[in-house]
Protein backbone atom coordinates (compact mmCIF):
# COMPACT_ATOMS: atom_id res chain seq x y z
CA MET A 1 0.00 0.00 0.00
CA LYS A 2 2.88 2.36 0.73
CA ARG A 3 4.02 2.04 -2.89
CA VAL A 4 0.52 2.88 -4.11
CA TYR A 5 0.46 6.11 -2.09
CA ILE A 6 3.92 7.07 -3.35
CA ILE A 7 2.87 6.56 -6.98
CA LEU A 8 -0.34 8.55 -6.48
CA GLY A 9 1.62 11.34 -4.83
CA LEU A 10 3.95 11.55 -7.83
CA VAL A 11 0.98 11.64 -10.20
CA VAL A 12 -0.65 14.48 -8.25
CA PHE A 13 2.64 16.40 -8.24
CA SER A 14 3.02 16.02 -12.02
CA LEU A 15 -0.59 17.13 -12.52
CA SER A 16 0.08 20.20 -10.41
CA MET A 17 3.09 21.10 -12.53
CA THR A 18 1.04 20.65 -15.71
CA ALA A 19 -1.74 22.74 -14.21
CA GLN A 20 0.51 25.79 -14.00
CA GLU A 21 0.36 25.96 -17.80
CA ALA A 22 -3.19 24.62 -18.40
CA GLY A 23 -4.94 26.38 -15.51
CA THR A 24 -6.43 24.62 -12.52
CA HIS A 25 -9.86 24.27 -11.02
CA HIS A 26 -10.72 22.94 -7.58
CA TYR A 27 -14.05 21.36 -6.68
CA ILE A 28 -15.76 19.98 -3.61
CA ASN A 29 -17.95 17.04 -4.67
CA LEU A 30 -21.09 15.82 -2.95
CA TYR A 31 -22.51 12.66 -4.47
CA ALA A 32 -24.99 9.86 -4.03
CA LYS A 33 -25.09 6.53 -5.79
CA ALA A 34 -27.44 3.60 -6.02
CA GLY A 35 -27.46 0.30 -7.84
CA TRP A 36 -27.05 -3.47 -7.64
CA ALA A 37 -24.78 -5.08 -5.07
CA GLY A 38 -23.45 -8.60 -4.88
CA MET A 39 -21.32 -10.26 -2.23
CA LEU A 40 -19.64 -12.95 -4.28
CA ASP A 41 -18.60 -15.99 -2.28
CA GLY A 42 -16.11 -18.63 -3.29
CA MET A 43 -18.22 -21.65 -2.52
CA SER A 44 -17.79 -24.63 -4.81
CA ALA A 45 -18.51 -28.34 -4.64
CA TYR A 46 -16.29 -29.91 -1.97
CA ASN A 47 -16.46 -32.36 0.94
CA LYS A 48 -15.38 -31.89 4.51
CA SER A 49 -15.44 -34.68 7.14
CA VAL A 50 -14.85 -34.57 10.87
CA SER A 51 -15.30 -37.09 13.71
CA ALA A 52 -18.74 -38.25 14.79
CA GLY A 53 -18.63 -36.14 17.94
CA ASN A 54 -18.44 -33.00 15.85
CA LEU A 55 -20.56 -31.71 13.01
CA GLY A 56 -19.78 -34.40 10.49
CA SER A 57 -19.31 -33.83 6.79
CA TYR A 58 -21.10 -31.69 4.24
CA ASP A 59 -21.13 -31.16 0.51
CA PHE A 60 -21.90 -27.80 -1.14
CA SER A 61 -23.29 -28.73 -4.53
CA ASN A 62 -25.19 -25.76 -5.97
CA LYS A 63 -25.57 -22.03 -5.42
CA SER A 64 -26.93 -18.95 -7.21
CA LEU A 65 -26.46 -15.24 -6.56
CA PHE A 66 -29.47 -12.90 -6.48
CA GLY A 67 -27.63 -9.87 -5.11
CA GLY A 68 -29.59 -6.89 -3.85
CA PRO A 69 -29.63 -3.10 -3.52
CA GLY A 70 -26.69 -0.86 -2.72
CA LEU A 71 -26.54 2.78 -1.63
CA GLY A 72 -23.67 5.19 -1.13
CA LEU A 73 -22.94 8.77 -0.07
CA GLY A 74 -19.66 10.60 -0.47
CA LEU A 75 -17.72 13.81 -0.04
CA GLY A 76 -14.68 14.45 -2.20
CA TYR A 77 -12.19 16.84 -3.70
CA GLU A 78 -11.42 17.13 -7.42
CA LEU A 79 -8.48 18.78 -9.11
CA GLN A 80 -8.85 19.57 -12.80
CA ALA A 81 -5.76 20.46 -14.81
CA GLY A 82 -6.53 20.89 -18.49
CA HIS A 83 -8.14 17.64 -19.57
CA PHE A 84 -6.89 15.68 -16.58
CA LEU A 85 -8.84 14.89 -13.40
CA PHE A 86 -7.77 13.71 -9.96
CA ASP A 87 -10.36 12.76 -7.34
CA VAL A 88 -10.02 11.79 -3.68
CA GLY A 89 -12.59 11.67 -0.90
CA VAL A 90 -14.41 9.65 1.72
CA GLU A 91 -17.63 7.72 1.31
CA ALA A 92 -19.95 5.32 3.11
CA GLU A 93 -21.82 2.41 1.51
CA TRP A 94 -24.48 -0.09 2.45
CA LEU A 95 -24.54 -3.33 0.48
CA ARG A 96 -27.14 -6.09 0.69
CA SER A 97 -26.85 -9.40 -1.11
CA THR A 98 -28.79 -12.70 -1.12
CA SER A 99 -27.55 -16.11 -2.30
CA LYS A 100 -29.46 -19.38 -2.66
CA TYR A 101 -27.93 -22.79 -1.96
CA ALA A 102 -28.74 -26.48 -2.41
CA PHE A 103 -26.46 -28.86 -0.51
CA GLY A 104 -26.33 -31.71 1.94
CA ILE A 105 -24.78 -32.32 5.38
CA SER A 106 -24.20 -35.69 7.05
CA ARG A 107 -23.72 -36.04 10.80
CA ASP A 108 -22.64 -39.27 12.50
CA MET A 109 -24.04 -40.21 15.91
CA VAL A 110 -23.02 -43.35 17.85
CA ASP A 111 -24.85 -42.75 21.13
CA PRO A 112 -27.47 -44.02 21.75
CA TYR A 113 -27.78 -45.34 18.16
CA ASN A 114 -25.22 -45.85 15.47
CA LEU A 115 -26.91 -43.59 12.91
CA THR A 116 -25.93 -40.99 10.33
CA TYR A 117 -28.26 -38.00 10.01
CA ILE A 118 -28.48 -36.47 6.56
CA TYR A 119 -29.68 -32.84 6.28
CA ARG A 120 -30.69 -31.93 2.71
CA PHE A 121 -31.03 -28.19 1.97
CA TYR A 122 -32.94 -27.53 -1.24
CA ASN A 123 -34.17 -23.95 -0.77
CA TRP A 124 -31.73 -22.39 1.65
CA ARG A 125 -30.91 -18.69 1.43
CA GLU A 126 -28.52 -16.36 3.12
CA THR A 127 -28.88 -12.57 3.11
CA ARG A 128 -25.86 -10.48 4.03
CA ASN A 129 -25.65 -6.80 4.91
CA GLY A 130 -22.45 -4.80 5.04
CA ILE A 131 -21.57 -1.21 5.88
CA TYR A 132 -18.25 0.11 4.61
CA ALA A 133 -16.24 3.32 4.80
CA SER A 134 -13.68 3.90 2.07
CA VAL A 135 -11.30 6.38 0.47
CA PRO A 136 -11.48 6.49 -3.36
CA LEU A 137 -8.38 7.54 -5.31
CA MET A 138 -9.25 8.17 -8.97
CA LEU A 139 -7.52 9.52 -12.08
CA GLY A 140 -9.22 10.42 -15.34
CA ALA A 141 -9.91 13.01 -18.01
CA GLN A 142 -12.70 15.23 -19.33
CA PHE A 143 -13.34 15.94 -23.01
CA GLY A 144 -16.21 18.33 -23.63
CA SER A 145 -19.22 17.17 -21.64
CA PHE A 146 -17.90 13.61 -21.15
CA TYR A 147 -15.46 12.37 -18.54
CA PHE A 148 -14.09 9.16 -17.06
CA LEU A 149 -12.36 8.20 -13.83
CA ALA A 150 -10.52 5.00 -12.93
CA GLY A 151 -8.64 3.95 -9.83
CA ALA A 152 -8.97 2.14 -6.53
CA LYS A 153 -10.94 2.36 -3.29
CA VAL A 154 -9.38 1.41 0.00
CA GLY A 155 -12.11 0.67 2.55
CA TYR A 156 -12.85 -0.60 6.00
CA GLY A 157 -15.73 -2.92 6.85
CA ILE A 158 -17.58 -1.32 9.76
CA PHE A 159 -20.33 -3.88 10.21
CA ALA A 160 -21.67 -7.02 8.52
CA ASN A 161 -24.31 -9.60 9.42
CA TYR A 162 -26.11 -12.58 7.93
CA ASN A 163 -29.55 -14.19 8.10
CA ASN A 164 -30.28 -17.80 7.06
CA TYR A 165 -33.74 -19.04 6.17
CA GLY A 166 -35.48 -21.58 3.94
CA ASP A 167 -36.32 -25.28 3.86
CA TYR A 168 -34.48 -28.51 4.55
CA ASP A 169 -35.42 -32.09 5.39
CA VAL A 170 -33.72 -34.68 7.57
CA VAL A 171 -33.42 -38.44 7.28
CA ALA A 172 -31.50 -40.94 9.41
CA TYR A 173 -29.25 -43.56 7.83
CA ASP A 174 -28.67 -46.85 9.67
CA PRO A 175 -25.42 -48.45 8.45
CA THR A 176 -26.52 -51.77 9.99
CA LEU A 177 -29.72 -51.85 7.98
CA ALA A 178 -28.01 -50.07 5.07
CA GLY A 179 -30.97 -47.84 4.52
CA GLU A 180 -32.71 -44.61 5.45
CA ILE A 181 -35.08 -44.22 8.33
CA GLY A 182 -37.21 -41.48 6.82
CA GLY A 183 -40.46 -39.71 7.45
CA ASN A 184 -41.14 -38.47 10.93
CA SER A 185 -39.28 -41.18 12.84
CA HIS A 186 -37.00 -39.85 15.57
CA GLY A 187 -38.76 -36.49 15.18
CA LEU A 188 -37.28 -35.95 11.72
CA GLY A 189 -38.85 -34.66 8.50
CA LEU A 190 -39.42 -31.34 6.68
CA HIS A 191 -38.16 -28.20 8.41
CA HIS A 192 -38.89 -24.57 7.54
CA VAL A 193 -36.96 -21.61 8.97
CA ASP A 194 -38.51 -18.16 8.74
CA LYS A 195 -36.59 -14.95 8.19
CA ASN A 196 -35.06 -13.49 11.36
CA ALA A 197 -35.65 -16.70 13.31
CA GLU A 198 -33.66 -16.78 16.54
CA GLY A 199 -30.41 -18.68 16.19
CA TYR A 200 -30.30 -18.34 12.40
CA LYS A 201 -28.79 -14.88 12.20
CA GLY A 202 -25.63 -13.25 13.47
CA LYS A 203 -22.60 -11.09 12.73
CA LEU A 204 -19.98 -11.66 10.08
CA THR A 205 -16.37 -10.95 10.87
CA LEU A 206 -14.53 -9.12 8.09
CA LYS A 207 -10.97 -9.02 6.91
CA GLN A 208 -9.47 -5.59 6.40
CA PRO A 209 -8.98 -3.69 4.18
CA ASP A 210 -11.59 -3.89 1.43
CA VAL A 211 -9.70 -2.93 -1.74
CA ARG A 212 -11.73 -2.45 -4.93
CA ALA A 213 -10.97 -1.48 -8.50
CA ALA A 214 -13.33 1.34 -9.58
CA LEU A 215 -14.44 2.80 -12.92
CA GLU A 216 -16.75 5.75 -13.61
CA LEU A 217 -18.07 7.00 -16.98
CA GLY A 218 -20.11 10.19 -16.85
CA LEU A 219 -21.69 13.22 -18.42
CA ASP A 220 -21.59 16.91 -17.44
CA LEU A 221 -25.21 18.12 -17.00
CA ASP A 222 -24.63 21.90 -16.80
CA GLN A 223 -26.04 22.63 -20.25
CA TRP A 224 -29.39 21.10 -19.24
CA ILE A 225 -29.72 21.86 -15.53
CA GLN A 226 -28.24 25.34 -15.10
CA ALA A 227 -30.07 28.50 -16.19
CA PRO A 228 -28.89 29.83 -19.60
CA ALA A 229 -27.03 32.76 -18.05
CA ASP A 230 -25.13 30.39 -15.76
CA ARG A 231 -23.90 27.89 -18.32
CA ARG A 232 -20.27 28.84 -17.96
CA ARG A 233 -18.41 25.67 -18.80
CA ASN A 234 -16.25 25.82 -21.87
CA ASN A 235 -16.82 22.23 -22.91
CA ASN A 236 -14.41 22.01 -25.85
CA ARG A 237 -11.25 23.76 -24.69
CA GLY A 238 -9.06 21.42 -22.77
CA GLY A 239 -11.76 20.59 -20.28
CA GLN A 240 -11.54 24.09 -18.78
CA ARG A 241 -14.67 25.66 -17.39
CA GLY A 242 -15.25 29.27 -18.35
CA ARG A 243 -16.18 32.00 -15.88
CA ARG A 244 -17.57 35.48 -16.00
CA PRO A 245 -14.69 37.87 -16.68
CA LYS A 246 -14.52 39.19 -13.11
CA TYR A 247 -13.82 38.10 -9.55
CA GLU A 248 -16.95 37.51 -7.54
CA PRO A 249 -18.11 35.56 -4.48
CA PHE A 250 -19.44 32.00 -4.67
CA SER A 251 -22.73 31.88 -6.60
CA ARG A 252 -24.85 29.69 -8.89
CA GLN A 253 -22.38 29.58 -11.76
CA ASP A 254 -19.90 27.85 -9.42
CA VAL A 255 -22.25 24.84 -9.02
CA HIS A 256 -22.00 22.01 -11.55
CA TYR A 257 -23.81 18.71 -12.02
CA ARG A 258 -22.79 15.25 -13.22
CA ILE A 259 -24.36 11.86 -13.77
CA ALA A 260 -22.38 8.69 -14.32
CA LEU A 261 -22.38 4.91 -14.53
CA PHE A 262 -19.98 3.24 -12.11
CA ALA A 263 -18.70 -0.24 -11.29
CA GLU A 264 -16.56 -1.45 -8.37
CA TYR A 265 -15.07 -4.89 -7.75
CA GLY A 266 -13.29 -5.98 -4.60
CA PHE A 267 -10.34 -8.20 -5.50
CA MET A 268 -9.35 -9.00 -1.89
CA ASN A 269 -11.14 -11.51 0.35
CA MET A 270 -13.42 -9.75 2.85
CA ASN A 271 -14.56 -12.82 4.80
CA GLY A 272 -12.74 -13.07 8.12
CA GLY A 273 -15.03 -15.67 9.73
CA GLU A 274 -13.79 -18.85 11.25
CA ALA A 275 -15.01 -22.20 9.93
CA ALA A 276 -18.76 -22.28 10.47
CA GLN A 277 -21.55 -24.74 9.82
CA PRO A 278 -25.04 -24.20 8.41
CA LEU A 279 -26.51 -25.90 11.49
CA VAL A 280 -25.68 -25.57 15.20
CA TYR A 281 -26.57 -28.22 17.81
CA THR A 282 -26.99 -28.13 21.57
CA ASN A 283 -24.64 -31.06 22.08
CA ALA A 284 -23.09 -33.98 20.27
CA LYS A 285 -26.15 -36.21 20.91
CA SER A 286 -28.72 -33.73 19.59
CA GLU A 287 -30.17 -34.47 16.19
CA GLU A 288 -32.36 -31.35 16.08
CA PRO A 289 -30.48 -28.09 15.24
CA THR A 290 -31.00 -24.97 17.33
CA GLY A 291 -29.71 -22.46 14.79
CA SER A 292 -27.02 -21.84 12.20
CA ASN A 293 -23.75 -20.13 11.54
CA SER A 294 -23.18 -18.38 8.23
CA VAL A 295 -23.32 -20.70 5.24
CA LEU A 296 -20.45 -18.54 3.97
CA SER A 297 -18.17 -20.40 6.38
CA ASP A 298 -14.48 -19.85 5.71
CA ASN A 299 -14.84 -19.21 1.97
CA LYS A 300 -13.94 -16.05 0.11
CA MET A 301 -16.22 -13.05 -0.20
CA ASN A 302 -15.67 -10.31 -2.80
CA ASN A 303 -17.86 -7.22 -3.06
CA LEU A 304 -19.35 -6.03 -6.36
CA PHE A 305 -21.29 -2.77 -6.70
CA ALA A 306 -22.56 -1.14 -9.95
CA GLY A 307 -25.15 1.53 -10.72
CA ILE A 308 -25.75 5.25 -11.21
CA LYS A 309 -23.97 8.12 -9.48
CA PHE A 310 -25.15 11.75 -9.27
CA THR A 311 -22.67 14.46 -8.26
CA VAL A 312 -23.03 18.12 -7.33
CA GLN A 313 -19.75 20.05 -7.62
CA PHE A 314 -18.91 23.33 -5.89
CA GLU A 315 -16.00 25.23 -7.39
CA VAL A 316 -13.67 26.77 -4.82
CA GLY A 317 -10.31 28.49 -4.77
CA LYS A 318 -8.81 31.02 -7.13
CA LYS A 319 -11.02 32.41 -9.86
CA ILE A 320 -9.52 32.29 -13.36
CA ASN A 321 -10.33 35.33 -15.49
CA TYR A 322 -11.46 33.60 -18.68
CA PRO A 323 -12.75 35.59 -21.67
CA ALA A 324 -16.44 36.31 -21.66
CA PRO A 325 -18.51 33.74 -23.55
CA VAL A 326 -19.50 34.54 -27.10
CA GLN A 327 -22.68 36.61 -27.13
CA PRO A 328 -25.55 35.25 -29.24
CA SER A 329 -26.84 37.03 -32.31
CA TYR A 330 -30.54 37.91 -32.44
CA PHE A 331 -32.92 38.52 -35.31
CA ILE A 332 -36.21 40.23 -34.45
CA LEU A 333 -39.23 39.84 -36.75
CA LYS A 334 -42.26 42.10 -36.51
CA ILE A 335 -45.43 41.28 -38.45
CA VAL A 336 -48.22 43.82 -39.07
CA ASP A 337 -51.41 43.79 -41.14
CA GLU A 338 -52.59 46.25 -43.78
CA ASN A 339 -53.42 48.75 -41.05
CA GLY A 340 -49.99 48.54 -39.41
CA GLU A 341 -51.33 46.60 -36.40
CA PRO A 342 -49.41 43.57 -35.02
CA THR A 343 -50.97 40.33 -36.23
CA ASN A 344 -50.46 36.61 -35.68
CA ALA A 345 -48.92 34.55 -38.46
CA LYS A 346 -47.12 31.28 -39.19
CA VAL A 347 -43.34 31.41 -39.66
CA GLN A 348 -40.98 28.92 -41.27
CA VAL A 349 -37.19 29.40 -41.10
CA PHE A 350 -34.81 27.68 -43.53
CA ASN A 351 -31.06 27.59 -42.87
CA GLU A 352 -29.41 28.01 -46.28
CA SER A 353 -25.94 27.29 -44.89
CA LYS A 354 -26.95 23.84 -43.60
CA GLN A 355 -29.80 23.24 -46.07
CA ARG A 356 -32.37 22.34 -43.45
CA THR A 357 -35.51 23.81 -41.91
CA THR A 358 -34.91 24.98 -38.33
CA ILE A 359 -38.44 26.26 -37.56
CA GLN A 360 -41.51 24.62 -39.11
CA GLY A 361 -44.85 26.43 -38.96
CA ARG A 362 -44.45 28.21 -35.61
CA GLU A 363 -47.37 30.41 -34.57
CA ILE A 364 -46.11 33.94 -33.81
CA LYS A 365 -48.22 35.60 -31.16
CA LYS A 366 -48.80 39.36 -31.21
CA GLY A 367 -46.72 39.71 -34.35
CA ARG A 368 -43.24 39.56 -32.78
CA MET A 369 -40.51 36.92 -32.65
CA ALA A 370 -37.01 37.43 -31.26
CA LYS A 371 -34.64 34.45 -31.55
CA SER A 372 -30.89 33.84 -31.43
CA TYR A 373 -29.23 32.26 -34.47
CA PRO A 374 -25.71 30.94 -35.13
CA LYS A 375 -23.67 32.29 -38.01
CA GLY A 376 -25.19 31.54 -41.41
CA SER A 377 -27.73 32.59 -44.04
CA TYR A 378 -31.47 32.17 -43.50
CA ILE A 379 -34.79 32.54 -45.33
CA MET A 380 -37.87 33.26 -43.26
CA ARG A 381 -41.32 32.63 -44.82
CA ILE A 382 -44.39 34.28 -43.27
CA GLN A 383 -47.93 32.96 -43.94
CA LYS A 384 -51.38 34.02 -42.81
CA GLY A 385 -54.77 33.00 -44.16
CA ASP A 386 -56.31 35.42 -46.70
CA TYR A 387 -52.97 37.27 -47.02
CA TYR A 388 -50.18 37.07 -49.55
CA ALA A 389 -47.27 34.98 -48.26
CA ASP A 390 -44.05 36.95 -47.78
CA SER A 391 -40.41 36.06 -47.16
CA VAL A 392 -37.35 37.70 -45.64
CA SER A 393 -33.68 36.81 -46.14
CA PHE A 394 -31.10 37.61 -43.49
CA ALA A 395 -27.58 36.57 -42.55
CA ILE A 396 -25.70 36.33 -39.26
CA VAL A 397 -22.10 37.34 -39.97
CA GLU A 398 -20.69 38.46 -36.62
CA PRO A 399 -21.57 37.24 -33.11
CA GLY A 400 -23.36 39.59 -30.78
CA THR A 401 -25.30 41.42 -33.50
CA VAL A 402 -28.98 42.35 -33.31
CA ASP A 403 -31.02 42.93 -36.47
CA SER A 404 -34.73 43.46 -37.00
CA VAL A 405 -37.23 43.78 -39.84
CA THR A 406 -40.93 44.62 -40.06
CA VAL A 407 -43.10 42.73 -42.58
CA GLN A 408 -46.45 44.20 -43.57
CA LEU A 409 -48.76 41.54 -44.97
CA ARG A 410 -51.00 42.37 -47.92
CA PRO A 411 -54.53 40.90 -47.89
CA LEU A 412 -55.67 38.79 -50.80
CA PRO A 413 -58.50 40.65 -52.57
CA LYS A 414 -61.76 38.80 -53.21
CA ILE A 415 -63.03 38.24 -56.72
CA GLU A 416 -66.40 39.51 -55.53
CA GLU A 417 -64.87 42.96 -55.08
CA VAL A 418 -63.36 43.15 -58.59
CA ILE A 419 -66.55 44.27 -60.34
CA GLU A 420 -66.85 47.24 -58.03
CA GLU A 421 -63.12 48.02 -58.17
CA PRO A 422 -62.51 50.93 -60.57
CA GLU A 423 -58.87 49.96 -61.16
CA VAL A 424 -57.95 46.32 -61.51
CA ILE A 425 -54.25 45.61 -61.98
CA ILE A 426 -53.07 42.94 -64.39
CA GLY A 427 -51.28 40.23 -62.41
CA GLN A 428 -53.50 40.53 -59.35
CA THR A 429 -54.61 37.25 -57.73
CA PHE A 430 -57.96 36.83 -55.97
CA ILE A 431 -59.46 34.03 -53.88
CA LEU A 432 -62.76 32.72 -55.28
CA HIS A 433 -64.72 32.20 -52.08
CA ASN A 434 -67.62 29.77 -51.59
CA MET A 435 -66.35 27.48 -54.35
CA ASN A 436 -67.10 23.98 -53.09
CA PHE A 437 -66.33 20.50 -54.46
CA ALA A 438 -67.21 16.96 -53.43
CA THR A 439 -64.57 15.38 -51.19
CA ASN A 440 -61.55 14.21 -53.23
CA GLN A 441 -63.48 14.84 -56.45
CA THR A 442 -63.76 17.51 -59.16
CA THR A 443 -67.56 17.63 -58.98
CA ILE A 444 -68.81 21.18 -58.28
CA LEU A 445 -71.43 21.28 -55.50
CA PRO A 446 -74.70 23.28 -55.87
CA GLY A 447 -73.65 25.78 -53.19
CA SER A 448 -71.00 27.18 -55.59
CA GLU A 449 -73.53 28.88 -57.89
CA ASP A 450 -72.96 32.40 -56.49
CA ALA A 451 -69.18 32.12 -56.93
CA LEU A 452 -69.59 30.93 -60.56
CA ASN A 453 -72.01 33.75 -61.31
CA THR A 454 -69.58 36.33 -59.86
CA LEU A 455 -66.77 35.05 -62.09
CA TYR A 456 -69.05 34.85 -65.14
CA ASN A 457 -70.28 38.43 -64.58
CA PHE A 458 -66.69 39.69 -64.34
CA LEU A 459 -65.78 38.10 -67.68
CA GLN A 460 -68.94 39.45 -69.27
CA ALA A 461 -68.17 42.95 -67.98
CA ASN A 462 -64.63 42.73 -69.40
CA PRO A 463 -65.02 41.15 -72.88
CA ASN A 464 -61.29 41.41 -73.62
CA GLY A 465 -60.28 40.04 -70.26
CA ARG A 466 -58.38 36.80 -69.77
CA ILE A 467 -57.95 34.94 -66.50
CA LYS A 468 -56.11 31.97 -65.03
CA ILE A 469 -57.91 29.60 -62.66
CA ILE A 470 -55.49 28.12 -60.09
CA GLY A 471 -56.48 25.11 -57.94
CA HIS A 472 -54.97 24.36 -54.50
CA THR A 473 -55.42 21.47 -52.03
CA ASP A 474 -54.44 20.71 -48.45
CA SER A 475 -51.67 18.23 -47.58
CA VAL A 476 -53.91 15.22 -46.85
CA GLY A 477 -53.17 12.39 -49.29
CA LYS A 478 -50.32 11.72 -51.69
CA ASP A 479 -48.60 14.56 -53.54
CA ASP A 480 -49.37 13.29 -57.05
CA PHE A 481 -53.06 12.76 -56.23
CA ASN A 482 -53.36 16.29 -54.82
CA GLN A 483 -51.67 17.69 -57.93
CA ARG A 484 -54.13 15.93 -60.26
CA LEU A 485 -57.05 16.95 -58.03
CA SER A 486 -56.10 20.66 -58.13
CA GLU A 487 -55.75 20.54 -61.93
CA GLY A 488 -59.11 18.75 -62.31
CA ARG A 489 -60.96 21.28 -60.15
CA ALA A 490 -59.53 24.23 -62.10
CA ASN A 491 -60.58 22.55 -65.37
CA ALA A 492 -64.08 21.87 -63.95
CA ILE A 493 -64.63 25.60 -63.30
CA ARG A 494 -63.37 26.46 -66.80
CA ASP A 495 -65.70 23.90 -68.36
CA GLU A 496 -68.66 25.33 -66.45
CA LEU A 497 -67.89 28.87 -67.69
CA VAL A 498 -67.48 27.61 -71.27
CA LYS A 499 -70.93 26.00 -71.01
CA ARG A 500 -72.29 29.44 -70.13
CA GLY A 501 -70.81 31.00 -73.24
CA ILE A 502 -67.32 32.19 -72.27
CA ALA A 503 -64.69 31.49 -74.95
CA GLU A 504 -62.32 28.75 -73.88
CA ASP A 505 -59.21 30.67 -75.01
CA ARG A 506 -59.98 33.37 -72.42
CA ILE A 507 -59.48 30.94 -69.55
CA ALA A 508 -56.17 29.29 -68.59
CA THR A 509 -55.94 26.70 -65.82
CA GLU A 510 -53.22 25.48 -63.48
CA GLY A 511 -53.02 23.10 -60.52
CA ARG A 512 -50.50 23.63 -57.72
CA GLY A 513 -51.55 20.82 -55.44
CA GLU A 514 -50.44 21.24 -51.82
CA THR A 515 -47.29 23.25 -52.59
CA GLU A 516 -48.56 26.72 -51.60
CA PRO A 517 -50.43 26.56 -48.28
CA ILE A 518 -51.63 29.80 -46.72
CA ALA A 519 -52.45 28.24 -43.33
CA ASP A 520 -51.38 25.43 -41.03
CA ASN A 521 -52.23 21.98 -42.42
CA GLU A 522 -52.17 20.56 -38.88
CA THR A 523 -55.65 21.95 -38.09
CA GLU A 524 -58.99 21.44 -39.84
CA GLU A 525 -59.48 25.20 -40.08
CA GLY A 526 -56.09 25.61 -41.73
CA ARG A 527 -56.71 22.77 -44.19
CA ALA A 528 -60.06 24.35 -45.18
CA GLN A 529 -58.27 27.61 -46.04
CA ASN A 530 -55.68 25.76 -48.11
CA ARG A 531 -58.40 24.02 -50.19
CA ARG A 532 -59.08 27.09 -52.34
CA VAL A 533 -59.37 28.42 -55.87
CA GLU A 534 -57.48 31.56 -56.95
CA ILE A 535 -58.13 33.77 -59.99
CA GLU A 536 -55.22 35.59 -61.61
CA ILE A 537 -55.95 38.52 -64.00
CA LEU A 538 -53.97 37.96 -67.22
CA GLN A 539 -55.49 40.62 -69.47
CA LEU A 540 -58.13 43.35 -69.31
């Protein structure tokens, strides 16, 4: 052990020298851990015989380990030098483990009868509890948000006990008759021992120390747990943790959080008990047991503990004046209607630099959205029902910049208003309201008569006028079906106008399927707005 401490001391000294160049950080760690514990014993099939006046011979033939829960609490110190980590501390653990055995014991008795008693255990269990105090010594490294630690724990077993319970039966063997005397003769037969029965529980003596190999693999949780203003770790620069560029007393940004998976295995024998027997008797003539010693007997016992560990770290010591973190860049969008009043709308943001959509159909309340963006080029599309869609292009070139733009949406005029409009502009597009079709069909429903009459009257009032009928659908169904459906509905309106006497060459048609929504396709109201017919003025 002395050599181990000397080597660790040299490692800490070398880390301290390296830290003068890389910068150091000091942390007090409080942690809790929980998981599965197993006290592994070295039992195997073997025979042991003694004289008839003692306990006889027994044969351990089968065992299985169930294990149990384990809990731990600890207080430690961590030194961080660049990427490298060194941890030391003190901790306390409680381990509980259960094993199941099937074995037999024979016991010779010559007074008053020359018999051999055979005790057959077929559902015998032993539960062990242990409380340990230990000093972990760990070395490791941190890269970004991930870290690992490996080392050893030197511990002391404070307390351990056992409890035996289960079922066994007893038969007597008469060597003269060369057979068993079974059943209930001589008071023998099936025996059941309850948990915590008197005589079947006791203390375990432990060898010291408990030395375990330990490994920990973990993740830094600051970026999720801390408030945005307090996320001060610089997770990709040598493991160093950034700080506000000033000296200040201990506060929230000095608290950090970790979660990890850990495993510990004790490679030294912890069982210090003398040779014991599963059953204890009042005297050499007694065939009925009065209790038990630990089934563990004089075999090995090695502790195993694995689970999850949560750590809260408090940074102490000298503050390092790191540069201030990079400030985010903000883009502020304001949306107003034709009257200049803020209005709700749907916004989609496309990152041209990475060729992916970063915001899909977000509802902007009260006409304002302020959001931080990394460096790159962006296209922002704004949509609102019964308004022309609009788009804005912007770029984030330098960090810490703030830019804003105001978009005024233009309402889509209604075809019903065109007749009364003294000046109609070529290229204008109107929504033909109250134009209804059968579901997934091109059949015009009777309720569309007013809309058809309005369009017919406009063409009659403008004999040289030419129009384009544009069909749109919602996003329900396949793309190619929606494209054909939009084309068919536009052609159905043209055919109806031709029947009423309008020249076919005055009417162009086009289907755009689901490609140009003006509302959110996630709601029924939005889909109803997207299922529309638009009229574009080509000539007057």
